[in-house]
Each structure stands twice: as structure tokens, then as C-alpha cells.
Amino acid sequence: MSVKAKKHLGQHFLTDETIAEKIADSLSFKGYKHVLEIGPGMGVLTKYLLKKDITTHVIEIDTESVAYLKNNYLNLADRVIEKDFLKYDLKEVFHDEPFAIIGNFPYNISTQIVFKTLEMRNQIPEFSGMFQKEVAQRICSKEGSKVYGILSVLTQAFYDADYLFTVPPTVFNPPPKVESGVLILKRKENFSLPCDEKLFFKVVKQAFQQRRKTLRNSLKTFNLSDNLKANVIFDKRPEQLSVTAFLELTQLIETDEND
């Protein structure tokens, strides 16, 4: 019995064992005892995780895949979570313990998976997985790049992001229409922000919503003082600012608001 890929769940099952093993090997498995695989499908990646000295858990929304995993991976059966990753409170499983995230992510929800990881960053020291190539490149891109944006800045404020390798459509069933990319996120040693987190998110999102404009124009809604707006940083466009510069900008705005 095999599982039929469902279009509405964005399922593309990886069929290449070598790539599955490479993804499993991308995590260090240090500093945590648990790993959570999102969307395991028929377990091509899962079987390599089960060989590691780690407790593997999987979260899967597709009932057919859940049945397949429970039948074929008996030692995993009681750690198959039949829930929607985006809606489920993972504290029910992991409480306050750290865990890594891994997966061949459904492309339609992959950026939301990253945002949920950022919310839970206190518990997630490592994150590795497969995305649509463009999304993986965007997450890992640096300032000055055309694809550098909200996702790049917010992720890299807390994690070091590395693009590992590209995966062709031919190794999936059914093949997606695009290439895929595998990346790794390793949480920074000091991942607490030197500014107000909500304000930082707001500044980054507002800046990139009008990415062609200078910050002086795109951040008008913040009602900044003329004194602050005279700062040369406001002559720049958002993609010219590094993550550190965005943090410094937020600190400037924070001080300005409090004056």
C-alpha cells in the first residue's frame, strides 16, 4: 500500500533516498533530544531520522499517511501526531524542552512554518528542510540582493541561515513545477533582540511593503521627528540595510518615540 499525493495538501513525495539521507544529516543533533518532522508522507526522510541517536516525532495532517506510518514504522507509532502544525500547540508534546524541526515542507505553507518557528525560537535551536528554491534563497539572502526581504531579515535576526543544495523536480512524485532548495537555520548564541520585538517586526514589514522607496518615505506612518529623519540611514532603501542595521534603526525609532 502506498499513499496517493494530494494536491490540496501540496504533497510531493521525495523518492530519492540519497537526498533524504542528506537532509537528515544536515542537523547536528546536539543540544536537544527531540526532532519533529513536518509532513513525513510515507517516511522517506523519517527512516533516516530513526537511525539517529534522537527521539523522532512526526506531525501529519493526512490520515492516509498517518495510517501508512503507523503500519510501517511500528517503533514510531505512538509519536505520530495527527494534527495541523500551524494550529497545534506543540507544548502539549514537548512542554518546555528544546527540539529541532525538519521536513520536506508543503510549499503552500512553508513561509508560515518559518514564522511559527520564529515564534517558538526559544525552543528550536535548529531547523532544516526543503522549500521551493526561491523561498529557500529568499530566507538565506543578504542585503543588496533582489530577493532580500521581510522573511530574510526576520529569520536572520534570530538564526544563521545557510542554503545547502538544490533539488531537481525529477526526484519527486508527482514532480513539482519548480526546483527545490534545502536550507539550515542554526539559532544564534545571543538571539534576544536589543530592541522592542513588536516594533522591529513592524518596521521591517512596513519598510519592505514599499521596497522601492527610501525609508524616509516608507516609514512615514511612524510620525518620526525631523531630527531623526535627517539621519542618513533614512536615505536608504530597505534592501540596502543589513539585519544589524534594521535592529539599529528600530532602536533609533524606539528612542525617538520615547523622547
C-alpha atoms as a PDB file:
ATOM      1  CA  MET A   1       0.000   0.000   0.000  1.00  0.00           C
ATOM      2  CA  SER A   2       1.308   3.442  -0.867  1.00  0.00           C
ATOM      3  CA  VAL A   3      -0.138   6.889  -0.258  1.00  0.00           C
ATOM      4  CA  LYS A   4      -1.537   8.970  -3.093  1.00  0.00           C
ATOM      5  CA  ALA A   5      -0.185  12.543  -3.105  1.00  0.00           C
ATOM      6  CA  LYS A   6      -2.960  15.061  -2.503  1.00  0.00           C
ATOM      7  CA  LYS A   7      -2.872  18.310  -4.419  1.00  0.00           C
ATOM      8  CA  HIS A   8      -4.829  20.299  -1.810  1.00  0.00           C
ATOM      9  CA  LEU A   9      -2.190  19.424   0.808  1.00  0.00           C
ATOM     10  CA  GLY A  10       0.636  20.431  -1.525  1.00  0.00           C
ATOM     11  CA  GLN A  11       2.111  16.925  -1.321  1.00  0.00           C
ATOM     12  CA  HIS A  12       5.122  15.994  -3.469  1.00  0.00           C
ATOM     13  CA  PHE A  13       6.729  12.821  -2.137  1.00  0.00           C
ATOM     14  CA  LEU A  14      10.515  12.689  -2.283  1.00  0.00           C
ATOM     15  CA  THR A  15      11.652   9.449  -3.959  1.00  0.00           C
ATOM     16  CA  ASP A  16      15.432   9.898  -3.826  1.00  0.00           C
ATOM     17  CA  GLU A  17      16.963   8.101  -0.835  1.00  0.00           C
ATOM     18  CA  THR A  18      20.334   9.887  -1.125  1.00  0.00           C
ATOM     19  CA  ILE A  19      18.692  13.303  -0.843  1.00  0.00           C
ATOM     20  CA  ALA A  20      16.534  12.137   2.077  1.00  0.00           C
ATOM     21  CA  GLU A  21      19.670  10.957   3.889  1.00  0.00           C
ATOM     22  CA  LYS A  22      21.475  14.249   3.138  1.00  0.00           C
ATOM     23  CA  ILE A  23      18.583  16.240   4.641  1.00  0.00           C
ATOM     24  CA  ALA A  24      18.583  14.023   7.756  1.00  0.00           C
ATOM     25  CA  ASP A  25      22.358  14.511   8.074  1.00  0.00           C
ATOM     26  CA  SER A  26      22.080  18.306   7.883  1.00  0.00           C
ATOM     27  CA  LEU A  27      21.103  18.605  11.572  1.00  0.00           C
ATOM     28  CA  SER A  28      23.800  18.421  14.257  1.00  0.00           C
ATOM     29  CA  PHE A  29      21.523  16.626  16.806  1.00  0.00           C
ATOM     30  CA  LYS A  30      23.386  18.480  19.566  1.00  0.00           C
ATOM     31  CA  GLY A  31      21.787  20.413  22.409  1.00  0.00           C
ATOM     32  CA  TYR A  32      18.373  18.742  22.157  1.00  0.00           C
ATOM     33  CA  LYS A  33      16.882  15.248  22.488  1.00  0.00           C
ATOM     34  CA  HIS A  34      13.875  15.543  20.169  1.00  0.00           C
ATOM     35  CA  VAL A  35      13.302  16.224  16.495  1.00  0.00           C
ATOM     36  CA  LEU A  36       9.943  16.963  14.864  1.00  0.00           C
ATOM     37  CA  GLU A  37       9.428  16.144  11.199  1.00  0.00           C
ATOM     38  CA  ILE A  38       6.646  18.083   9.483  1.00  0.00           C
ATOM     39  CA  GLY A  39       4.667  16.315   6.747  1.00  0.00           C
ATOM     40  CA  PRO A  40       6.524  12.968   6.630  1.00  0.00           C
ATOM     41  CA  GLY A  41       4.259  11.434   3.955  1.00  0.00           C
ATOM     42  CA  MET A  42       5.480   7.853   3.523  1.00  0.00           C
ATOM     43  CA  GLY A  43       8.531   8.341   5.734  1.00  0.00           C
ATOM     44  CA  VAL A  44      11.380   8.567   3.204  1.00  0.00           C
ATOM     45  CA  LEU A  45      13.167  11.076   5.471  1.00  0.00           C
ATOM     46  CA  THR A  46      11.729   9.598   8.693  1.00  0.00           C
ATOM     47  CA  LYS A  47      13.585   6.303   8.325  1.00  0.00           C
ATOM     48  CA  TYR A  48      16.953   8.120   8.343  1.00  0.00           C
ATOM     49  CA  LEU A  49      15.951  10.147  11.403  1.00  0.00           C
ATOM     50  CA  LEU A  50      15.020   6.936  13.221  1.00  0.00           C
ATOM     51  CA  LYS A  51      18.628   5.730  12.799  1.00  0.00           C
ATOM     52  CA  LYS A  52      19.913   8.768  14.724  1.00  0.00           C
ATOM     53  CA  ASP A  53      20.502   8.960  18.452  1.00  0.00           C
ATOM     54  CA  ILE A  54      17.431  11.185  18.898  1.00  0.00           C
ATOM     55  CA  THR A  55      13.718  10.796  19.653  1.00  0.00           C
ATOM     56  CA  THR A  56      11.836  11.382  16.405  1.00  0.00           C
ATOM     57  CA  HIS A  57       8.284  12.722  16.355  1.00  0.00           C
ATOM     58  CA  VAL A  58       6.285  13.398  13.194  1.00  0.00           C
ATOM     59  CA  ILE A  59       3.300  15.664  12.605  1.00  0.00           C
ATOM     60  CA  GLU A  60       0.997  14.817   9.702  1.00  0.00           C
ATOM     61  CA  ILE A  61      -2.444  16.082   8.712  1.00  0.00           C
ATOM     62  CA  ASP A  62      -3.127  13.442   6.025  1.00  0.00           C
ATOM     63  CA  THR A  63      -4.995  10.479   7.548  1.00  0.00           C
ATOM     64  CA  GLU A  64      -3.793   8.112   4.810  1.00  0.00           C
ATOM     65  CA  SER A  65      -0.147   8.986   5.537  1.00  0.00           C
ATOM     66  CA  VAL A  66      -0.775   8.605   9.293  1.00  0.00           C
ATOM     67  CA  ALA A  67      -2.126   5.076   8.764  1.00  0.00           C
ATOM     68  CA  TYR A  68       0.817   4.204   6.495  1.00  0.00           C
ATOM     69  CA  LEU A  69       3.398   5.447   9.026  1.00  0.00           C
ATOM     70  CA  LYS A  70       1.781   3.633  11.942  1.00  0.00           C
ATOM     71  CA  ASN A  71       1.716   0.374   9.948  1.00  0.00           C
ATOM     72  CA  ASN A  72       5.228   0.610   8.543  1.00  0.00           C
ATOM     73  CA  TYR A  73       7.176   2.262  11.375  1.00  0.00           C
ATOM     74  CA  LEU A  74       5.945   0.473  14.466  1.00  0.00           C
ATOM     75  CA  ASN A  75       8.595   1.995  16.744  1.00  0.00           C
ATOM     76  CA  LEU A  76       7.284   5.439  15.745  1.00  0.00           C
ATOM     77  CA  ALA A  77       3.549   4.714  16.052  1.00  0.00           C
ATOM     78  CA  ASP A  78       2.977   6.458  19.398  1.00  0.00           C
ATOM     79  CA  ARG A  79       4.899   9.561  18.256  1.00  0.00           C
ATOM     80  CA  VAL A  80       2.806  10.257  15.156  1.00  0.00           C
ATOM     81  CA  ILE A  81       0.902  13.487  15.829  1.00  0.00           C
ATOM     82  CA  GLU A  82      -2.200  13.713  13.646  1.00  0.00           C
ATOM     83  CA  LYS A  83      -2.560  17.486  13.722  1.00  0.00           C
ATOM     84  CA  ASP A  84      -2.076  20.640  11.655  1.00  0.00           C
ATOM     85  CA  PHE A  85       1.389  22.001  12.556  1.00  0.00           C
ATOM     86  CA  LEU A  86       0.270  25.608  12.131  1.00  0.00           C
ATOM     87  CA  LYS A  87      -2.663  25.255  14.536  1.00  0.00           C
ATOM     88  CA  TYR A  88      -1.345  22.762  17.080  1.00  0.00           C
ATOM     89  CA  ASP A  89       0.199  23.790  20.406  1.00  0.00           C
ATOM     90  CA  LEU A  90       3.478  21.835  20.426  1.00  0.00           C
ATOM     91  CA  LYS A  91       3.895  22.396  24.162  1.00  0.00           C
ATOM     92  CA  GLU A  92       1.441  19.513  24.580  1.00  0.00           C
ATOM     93  CA  VAL A  93       4.205  17.223  23.300  1.00  0.00           C
ATOM     94  CA  PHE A  94       7.470  18.972  24.129  1.00  0.00           C
ATOM     95  CA  HIS A  95       6.439  21.109  27.122  1.00  0.00           C
ATOM     96  CA  ASP A  96       9.442  23.453  27.556  1.00  0.00           C
ATOM     97  CA  GLU A  97      12.055  21.092  26.127  1.00  0.00           C
ATOM     98  CA  PRO A  98      14.119  22.095  23.080  1.00  0.00           C
ATOM     99  CA  PHE A  99      13.560  20.294  19.758  1.00  0.00           C
ATOM    100  CA  ALA A 100      14.702  20.612  16.148  1.00  0.00           C
ATOM    101  CA  ILE A 101      12.402  20.882  13.132  1.00  0.00           C
ATOM    102  CA  ILE A 102      12.973  19.117   9.829  1.00  0.00           C
ATOM    103  CA  GLY A 103      10.929  18.280   6.770  1.00  0.00           C
ATOM    104  CA  ASN A 104      10.169  18.339   3.088  1.00  0.00           C
ATOM    105  CA  PHE A 105       7.686  21.159   3.626  1.00  0.00           C
ATOM    106  CA  PRO A 106       4.441  21.608   1.674  1.00  0.00           C
ATOM    107  CA  TYR A 107       5.226  24.696  -0.417  1.00  0.00           C
ATOM    108  CA  ASN A 108       1.844  26.321   0.177  1.00  0.00           C
ATOM    109  CA  ILE A 109       2.522  26.713   3.922  1.00  0.00           C
ATOM    110  CA  SER A 110       6.334  26.808   4.063  1.00  0.00           C
ATOM    111  CA  THR A 111       6.697  30.500   4.957  1.00  0.00           C
ATOM    112  CA  GLN A 112       4.049  30.116   7.697  1.00  0.00           C
ATOM    113  CA  ILE A 113       6.105  27.209   9.087  1.00  0.00           C
ATOM    114  CA  VAL A 114       9.102  29.570   9.336  1.00  0.00           C
ATOM    115  CA  PHE A 115       7.048  32.264  11.083  1.00  0.00           C
ATOM    116  CA  LYS A 116       5.732  29.748  13.625  1.00  0.00           C
ATOM    117  CA  THR A 117       9.338  28.590  14.214  1.00  0.00           C
ATOM    118  CA  LEU A 118      10.366  32.204  14.898  1.00  0.00           C
ATOM    119  CA  GLU A 119       7.567  32.480  17.465  1.00  0.00           C
ATOM    120  CA  MET A 120       8.887  29.319  19.165  1.00  0.00           C
ATOM    121  CA  ARG A 121      12.591  30.157  18.739  1.00  0.00           C
ATOM    122  CA  ASN A 122      13.254  29.740  22.497  1.00  0.00           C
ATOM    123  CA  GLN A 123      12.679  26.004  21.980  1.00  0.00           C
ATOM    124  CA  ILE A 124      14.020  25.498  18.445  1.00  0.00           C
ATOM    125  CA  PRO A 125      17.836  25.643  18.211  1.00  0.00           C
ATOM    126  CA  GLU A 126      17.954  24.071  14.730  1.00  0.00           C
ATOM    127  CA  PHE A 127      15.705  23.903  11.699  1.00  0.00           C
ATOM    128  CA  SER A 128      16.424  22.136   8.421  1.00  0.00           C
ATOM    129  CA  GLY A 129      14.256  21.460   5.430  1.00  0.00           C
ATOM    130  CA  MET A 130      13.226  21.638   1.829  1.00  0.00           C
ATOM    131  CA  PHE A 131      11.399  24.613   0.343  1.00  0.00           C
ATOM    132  CA  GLN A 132      10.624  25.893  -3.115  1.00  0.00           C
ATOM    133  CA  LYS A 133      14.087  27.028  -4.272  1.00  0.00           C
ATOM    134  CA  GLU A 134      13.095  30.719  -4.490  1.00  0.00           C
ATOM    135  CA  VAL A 135      11.774  30.728  -0.915  1.00  0.00           C
ATOM    136  CA  ALA A 136      14.899  28.992   0.432  1.00  0.00           C
ATOM    137  CA  GLN A 137      17.087  31.536  -1.371  1.00  0.00           C
ATOM    138  CA  ARG A 138      15.000  34.421  -0.036  1.00  0.00           C
ATOM    139  CA  ILE A 139      15.329  33.218   3.570  1.00  0.00           C
ATOM    140  CA  CYS A 140      19.126  32.946   3.210  1.00  0.00           C
ATOM    141  CA  SER A 141      19.790  36.058   1.097  1.00  0.00           C
ATOM    142  CA  LYS A 142      21.822  39.022   2.315  1.00  0.00           C
ATOM    143  CA  GLU A 143      21.250  42.763   1.907  1.00  0.00           C
ATOM    144  CA  GLY A 144      21.756  44.067  -1.614  1.00  0.00           C
ATOM    145  CA  SER A 145      20.044  41.047  -3.164  1.00  0.00           C
ATOM    146  CA  LYS A 146      16.819  41.469  -5.167  1.00  0.00           C
ATOM    147  CA  VAL A 147      15.142  38.700  -3.160  1.00  0.00           C
ATOM    148  CA  TYR A 148      16.212  40.021   0.263  1.00  0.00           C
ATOM    149  CA  GLY A 149      13.065  40.938   2.170  1.00  0.00           C
ATOM    150  CA  ILE A 150      10.865  40.535   5.248  1.00  0.00           C
ATOM    151  CA  LEU A 151      11.470  36.784   5.535  1.00  0.00           C
ATOM    152  CA  SER A 152      15.264  37.199   5.230  1.00  0.00           C
ATOM    153  CA  VAL A 153      15.526  39.911   7.893  1.00  0.00           C
ATOM    154  CA  LEU A 154      13.148  38.406  10.453  1.00  0.00           C
ATOM    155  CA  THR A 155      14.674  34.917  10.173  1.00  0.00           C
ATOM    156  CA  GLN A 156      18.277  36.122  10.261  1.00  0.00           C
ATOM    157  CA  ALA A 157      17.648  38.307  13.306  1.00  0.00           C
ATOM    158  CA  PHE A 158      17.475  35.063  15.311  1.00  0.00           C
ATOM    159  CA  TYR A 159      19.133  32.376  13.149  1.00  0.00           C
ATOM    160  CA  ASP A 160      22.180  31.941  10.931  1.00  0.00           C
ATOM    161  CA  ALA A 161      20.736  30.784   7.607  1.00  0.00           C
ATOM    162  CA  ASP A 162      22.635  28.672   5.061  1.00  0.00           C
ATOM    163  CA  TYR A 163      21.431  27.468   1.673  1.00  0.00           C
ATOM    164  CA  LEU A 164      22.714  23.890   1.372  1.00  0.00           C
ATOM    165  CA  PHE A 165      21.787  22.459  -2.050  1.00  0.00           C
ATOM    166  CA  THR A 166      19.278  22.498  -4.906  1.00  0.00           C
ATOM    167  CA  VAL A 167      16.951  19.564  -5.655  1.00  0.00           C
ATOM    168  CA  PRO A 168      15.514  18.934  -9.162  1.00  0.00           C
ATOM    169  CA  PRO A 169      11.765  18.285  -9.718  1.00  0.00           C
ATOM    170  CA  THR A 170      12.517  14.782 -11.109  1.00  0.00           C
ATOM    171  CA  VAL A 171      13.110  13.224  -7.655  1.00  0.00           C
ATOM    172  CA  PHE A 172       9.510  13.803  -6.503  1.00  0.00           C
ATOM    173  CA  ASN A 173       6.235  12.038  -7.125  1.00  0.00           C
ATOM    174  CA  PRO A 174       4.423  13.922  -8.563  1.00  0.00           C
ATOM    175  CA  PRO A 175       7.206  16.294  -9.750  1.00  0.00           C
ATOM    176  CA  PRO A 176       6.590  19.940  -8.743  1.00  0.00           C
ATOM    177  CA  LYS A 177       6.836  22.601 -11.463  1.00  0.00           C
ATOM    178  CA  VAL A 178       9.814  24.261  -9.756  1.00  0.00           C
ATOM    179  CA  GLU A 179      13.217  23.401  -8.323  1.00  0.00           C
ATOM    180  CA  SER A 180      13.554  22.933  -4.571  1.00  0.00           C
ATOM    181  CA  GLY A 181      16.222  24.099  -2.143  1.00  0.00           C
ATOM    182  CA  VAL A 182      17.375  22.732   1.212  1.00  0.00           C
ATOM    183  CA  LEU A 183      18.493  25.114   3.952  1.00  0.00           C
ATOM    184  CA  ILE A 184      19.586  25.009   7.553  1.00  0.00           C
ATOM    185  CA  LEU A 185      18.862  27.528  10.293  1.00  0.00           C
ATOM    186  CA  LYS A 186      21.040  27.490  13.406  1.00  0.00           C
ATOM    187  CA  ARG A 187      19.915  29.721  16.235  1.00  0.00           C
ATOM    188  CA  LYS A 188      22.337  32.497  17.156  1.00  0.00           C
ATOM    189  CA  GLU A 189      24.023  32.238  20.541  1.00  0.00           C
ATOM    190  CA  ASN A 190      22.593  35.587  21.524  1.00  0.00           C
ATOM    191  CA  PHE A 191      19.182  35.639  19.875  1.00  0.00           C
ATOM    192  CA  SER A 192      17.457  38.180  22.099  1.00  0.00           C
ATOM    193  CA  LEU A 193      16.844  41.483  20.324  1.00  0.00           C
ATOM    194  CA  PRO A 194      18.379  44.759  21.529  1.00  0.00           C
ATOM    195  CA  CYS A 195      15.052  46.496  20.821  1.00  0.00           C
ATOM    196  CA  ASP A 196      11.301  46.018  21.141  1.00  0.00           C
ATOM    197  CA  GLU A 197      10.397  42.892  19.145  1.00  0.00           C
ATOM    198  CA  LYS A 198       6.940  44.036  18.010  1.00  0.00           C
ATOM    199  CA  LEU A 199       8.341  47.350  16.814  1.00  0.00           C
ATOM    200  CA  PHE A 200      11.177  45.552  14.961  1.00  0.00           C
ATOM    201  CA  PHE A 201       8.692  43.316  13.097  1.00  0.00           C
ATOM    202  CA  LYS A 202       6.566  46.364  12.305  1.00  0.00           C
ATOM    203  CA  VAL A 203       9.493  48.435  10.996  1.00  0.00           C
ATOM    204  CA  VAL A 204      10.755  45.591   8.764  1.00  0.00           C
ATOM    205  CA  LYS A 205       7.305  44.819   7.325  1.00  0.00           C
ATOM    206  CA  GLN A 206       6.469  48.479   6.715  1.00  0.00           C
ATOM    207  CA  ALA A 207       9.852  49.168   5.078  1.00  0.00           C
ATOM    208  CA  PHE A 208       9.564  46.297   2.591  1.00  0.00           C
ATOM    209  CA  GLN A 209       5.938  46.960   1.713  1.00  0.00           C
ATOM    210  CA  GLN A 210       7.271  49.832  -0.368  1.00  0.00           C
ATOM    211  CA  ARG A 211      10.709  48.463  -1.104  1.00  0.00           C
ATOM    212  CA  ARG A 212      11.495  50.911  -3.920  1.00  0.00           C
ATOM    213  CA  LYS A 213      11.054  53.936  -1.690  1.00  0.00           C
ATOM    214  CA  THR A 214      13.606  55.318   0.732  1.00  0.00           C
ATOM    215  CA  LEU A 215      12.951  54.597   4.413  1.00  0.00           C
ATOM    216  CA  ARG A 216      12.098  58.261   4.903  1.00  0.00           C
ATOM    217  CA  ASN A 217       9.037  57.711   2.690  1.00  0.00           C
ATOM    218  CA  SER A 218       8.116  54.134   3.556  1.00  0.00           C
ATOM    219  CA  LEU A 219       8.212  54.738   7.329  1.00  0.00           C
ATOM    220  CA  LYS A 220       6.097  57.928   7.274  1.00  0.00           C
ATOM    221  CA  THR A 221       3.352  56.336   9.387  1.00  0.00           C
ATOM    222  CA  PHE A 222       5.722  56.229  12.383  1.00  0.00           C
ATOM    223  CA  ASN A 223       5.487  60.050  12.757  1.00  0.00           C
ATOM    224  CA  LEU A 224       9.228  60.420  13.233  1.00  0.00           C
ATOM    225  CA  SER A 225      10.798  63.655  14.404  1.00  0.00           C
ATOM    226  CA  ASP A 226      12.502  65.857  11.804  1.00  0.00           C
ATOM    227  CA  ASN A 227      15.700  65.408  13.750  1.00  0.00           C
ATOM    228  CA  LEU A 228      15.584  61.608  13.320  1.00  0.00           C
ATOM    229  CA  LYS A 229      14.518  61.793   9.668  1.00  0.00           C
ATOM    230  CA  ALA A 230      17.677  63.821   8.977  1.00  0.00           C
ATOM    231  CA  ASN A 231      19.745  60.705   9.810  1.00  0.00           C
ATOM    232  CA  VAL A 232      21.456  59.348   6.650  1.00  0.00           C
ATOM    233  CA  ILE A 233      20.017  55.855   7.258  1.00  0.00           C
ATOM    234  CA  PHE A 234      16.668  57.224   6.009  1.00  0.00           C
ATOM    235  CA  ASP A 235      18.194  57.942   2.568  1.00  0.00           C
ATOM    236  CA  LYS A 236      18.498  54.182   2.035  1.00  0.00           C
ATOM    237  CA  ARG A 237      16.057  51.671   0.617  1.00  0.00           C
ATOM    238  CA  PRO A 238      15.202  48.622   2.764  1.00  0.00           C
ATOM    239  CA  GLU A 239      17.227  46.088   0.769  1.00  0.00           C
ATOM    240  CA  GLN A 240      20.371  48.128   1.470  1.00  0.00           C
ATOM    241  CA  LEU A 241      20.095  47.545   5.224  1.00  0.00           C
ATOM    242  CA  SER A 242      21.673  44.556   6.935  1.00  0.00           C
ATOM    243  CA  VAL A 243      19.838  42.800   9.751  1.00  0.00           C
ATOM    244  CA  THR A 244      22.056  44.646  12.259  1.00  0.00           C
ATOM    245  CA  ALA A 245      21.191  47.967  10.597  1.00  0.00           C
ATOM    246  CA  PHE A 246      17.464  47.157  10.891  1.00  0.00           C
ATOM    247  CA  LEU A 247      17.938  46.474  14.606  1.00  0.00           C
ATOM    248  CA  GLU A 248      19.788  49.781  14.991  1.00  0.00           C
ATOM    249  CA  LEU A 249      17.059  51.576  13.030  1.00  0.00           C
ATOM    250  CA  THR A 250      14.411  50.124  15.359  1.00  0.00           C
ATOM    251  CA  GLN A 251      16.400  51.316  18.374  1.00  0.00           C
ATOM    252  CA  LEU A 252      16.550  54.835  16.888  1.00  0.00           C
ATOM    253  CA  ILE A 253      12.780  54.845  16.308  1.00  0.00           C
ATOM    254  CA  GLU A 254      12.172  53.488  19.812  1.00  0.00           C
ATOM    255  CA  THR A 255      14.256  56.282  21.386  1.00  0.00           C
ATOM    256  CA  ASP A 256      12.572  58.852  19.144  1.00  0.00           C
ATOM    257  CA  GLU A 257       9.102  57.670  20.231  1.00  0.00           C
ATOM    258  CA  ASN A 258      10.073  57.889  23.888  1.00  0.00           C
ATOM    259  CA  ASP A 259      11.507  61.402  23.670  1.00  0.00           C
END
